[in-house]
Amino acid sequence: MCLLRSPSSVWFLLQVPFLDATNTLLHPILPLVADDFEEFGYPGDINDFLAIREYSPYDNVQKDVLYPAVLVSSSFTTR
């Protein structure tokens, strides 16, 4: 989220960030547990949904903003 709010002042490494919180938490097939909803919020509740959208990096990328170069790598399974 820092990358989106202040792109020029961010220098760090993230491991397994939760990038698309809104859609991930809404997907009923994923093996989420109560702890996930307690930590991030339950998107079925409108107040939680709006809060999740506020901090979800995937939902906050803005057009015409120059973000720093980012190296992203992934694997098939992250658990």
C-alpha atoms as a PDB file:
ATOM      1  CA  MET A   1       0.000   0.000   0.000  1.00  0.00           C
ATOM      2  CA  CYS A   2       2.912   2.346   0.684  1.00  0.00           C
ATOM      3  CA  LEU A   3       3.942   1.964  -2.951  1.00  0.00           C
ATOM      4  CA  LEU A   4       0.584   3.378  -4.020  1.00  0.00           C
ATOM      5  CA  ARG A   5       0.387   6.231  -1.521  1.00  0.00           C
ATOM      6  CA  SER A   6       3.970   7.475  -1.790  1.00  0.00           C
ATOM      7  CA  PRO A   7       5.776   5.731  -4.669  1.00  0.00           C
ATOM      8  CA  SER A   8       8.951   7.797  -4.442  1.00  0.00           C
ATOM      9  CA  SER A   9       9.695   6.896  -0.811  1.00  0.00           C
ATOM     10  CA  VAL A  10       9.350   3.126  -0.857  1.00  0.00           C
ATOM     11  CA  TRP A  11      12.257   0.675  -0.817  1.00  0.00           C
ATOM     12  CA  PHE A  12      11.453  -2.734   0.625  1.00  0.00           C
ATOM     13  CA  LEU A  13      10.975  -6.428  -0.057  1.00  0.00           C
ATOM     14  CA  LEU A  14       7.647  -8.147   0.482  1.00  0.00           C
ATOM     15  CA  GLN A  15       7.153 -11.862   0.793  1.00  0.00           C
ATOM     16  CA  VAL A  16       3.720 -13.196  -0.147  1.00  0.00           C
ATOM     17  CA  PRO A  17       1.789  -9.932  -0.012  1.00  0.00           C
ATOM     18  CA  PHE A  18      -1.996 -10.066  -0.043  1.00  0.00           C
ATOM     19  CA  LEU A  19      -2.447  -8.008  -3.207  1.00  0.00           C
ATOM     20  CA  ASP A  20      -6.035  -8.667  -4.249  1.00  0.00           C
ATOM     21  CA  ALA A  21      -7.756  -8.808  -0.877  1.00  0.00           C
ATOM     22  CA  THR A  22     -11.202  -7.830  -2.136  1.00  0.00           C
ATOM     23  CA  ASN A  23     -11.575 -10.613  -4.694  1.00  0.00           C
ATOM     24  CA  THR A  24      -9.658 -13.198  -2.688  1.00  0.00           C
ATOM     25  CA  LEU A  25     -11.868 -12.791   0.367  1.00  0.00           C
ATOM     26  CA  LEU A  26     -15.016 -12.917  -1.782  1.00  0.00           C
ATOM     27  CA  HIS A  27     -14.035 -16.172  -3.529  1.00  0.00           C
ATOM     28  CA  PRO A  28     -15.932 -19.002  -1.763  1.00  0.00           C
ATOM     29  CA  ILE A  29     -13.714 -21.847  -3.052  1.00  0.00           C
ATOM     30  CA  LEU A  30     -10.506 -20.604  -1.399  1.00  0.00           C
ATOM     31  CA  PRO A  31      -9.546 -22.237   1.912  1.00  0.00           C
ATOM     32  CA  LEU A  32      -9.909 -19.124   4.071  1.00  0.00           C
ATOM     33  CA  VAL A  33     -10.385 -19.439   7.797  1.00  0.00           C
ATOM     34  CA  ALA A  34     -11.937 -17.216  10.442  1.00  0.00           C
ATOM     35  CA  ASP A  35      -8.492 -15.751  11.212  1.00  0.00           C
ATOM     36  CA  ASP A  36      -8.271 -14.395   7.646  1.00  0.00           C
ATOM     37  CA  PHE A  37     -11.578 -12.579   7.999  1.00  0.00           C
ATOM     38  CA  GLU A  38     -10.643 -11.359  11.470  1.00  0.00           C
ATOM     39  CA  GLU A  39      -7.369  -9.934  10.156  1.00  0.00           C
ATOM     40  CA  PHE A  40      -8.596  -8.427   6.885  1.00  0.00           C
ATOM     41  CA  GLY A  41     -12.347  -8.013   7.406  1.00  0.00           C
ATOM     42  CA  TYR A  42     -15.384  -9.768   5.981  1.00  0.00           C
ATOM     43  CA  PRO A  43     -16.298  -8.328   2.557  1.00  0.00           C
ATOM     44  CA  GLY A  44     -19.931  -9.429   2.994  1.00  0.00           C
ATOM     45  CA  ASP A  45     -20.253  -6.545   5.478  1.00  0.00           C
ATOM     46  CA  ILE A  46     -20.387  -3.233   3.575  1.00  0.00           C
ATOM     47  CA  ASN A  47     -18.191  -1.372   6.095  1.00  0.00           C
ATOM     48  CA  ASP A  48     -15.520  -4.086   5.958  1.00  0.00           C
ATOM     49  CA  PHE A  49     -15.798  -4.195   2.151  1.00  0.00           C
ATOM     50  CA  LEU A  50     -15.138  -0.460   1.860  1.00  0.00           C
ATOM     51  CA  ALA A  51     -12.213  -0.677   4.302  1.00  0.00           C
ATOM     52  CA  ILE A  52     -10.696  -3.598   2.373  1.00  0.00           C
ATOM     53  CA  ARG A  53     -11.002  -1.658  -0.894  1.00  0.00           C
ATOM     54  CA  GLU A  54      -9.212   1.267   0.774  1.00  0.00           C
ATOM     55  CA  TYR A  55      -6.041  -0.729   1.573  1.00  0.00           C
ATOM     56  CA  SER A  56      -6.091  -3.344  -1.211  1.00  0.00           C
ATOM     57  CA  PRO A  57      -3.135  -2.570  -3.517  1.00  0.00           C
ATOM     58  CA  TYR A  58      -4.861  -4.188  -6.501  1.00  0.00           C
ATOM     59  CA  ASP A  59      -7.832  -1.856  -6.140  1.00  0.00           C
ATOM     60  CA  ASN A  60      -5.768   1.312  -5.687  1.00  0.00           C
ATOM     61  CA  VAL A  61      -3.443   1.422  -8.699  1.00  0.00           C
ATOM     62  CA  GLN A  62      -4.022   4.777 -10.361  1.00  0.00           C
ATOM     63  CA  LYS A  63      -3.770   5.640 -14.028  1.00  0.00           C
ATOM     64  CA  ASP A  64      -1.021   8.061 -15.102  1.00  0.00           C
ATOM     65  CA  VAL A  65       1.004   7.710 -11.878  1.00  0.00           C
ATOM     66  CA  LEU A  66       4.699   6.920 -12.259  1.00  0.00           C
ATOM     67  CA  TYR A  67       5.414   4.041  -9.881  1.00  0.00           C
ATOM     68  CA  PRO A  68       8.960   2.768  -9.319  1.00  0.00           C
ATOM     69  CA  ALA A  69      10.076  -0.389 -11.080  1.00  0.00           C
ATOM     70  CA  VAL A  70       8.904  -3.492  -9.236  1.00  0.00           C
ATOM     71  CA  LEU A  71      10.195  -7.056  -9.496  1.00  0.00           C
ATOM     72  CA  VAL A  72       7.359  -9.498  -8.900  1.00  0.00           C
ATOM     73  CA  SER A  73       7.795 -13.253  -8.781  1.00  0.00           C
ATOM     74  CA  SER A  74       5.362 -15.944  -7.834  1.00  0.00           C
ATOM     75  CA  SER A  75       4.886 -19.663  -7.553  1.00  0.00           C
ATOM     76  CA  PHE A  76       1.940 -21.962  -8.119  1.00  0.00           C
ATOM     77  CA  THR A  77       1.398 -22.503  -4.426  1.00  0.00           C
ATOM     78  CA  THR A  78       2.386 -20.012  -1.743  1.00  0.00           C
ATOM     79  CA  ARG A  79       1.387 -21.924   1.361  1.00  0.00           C
END
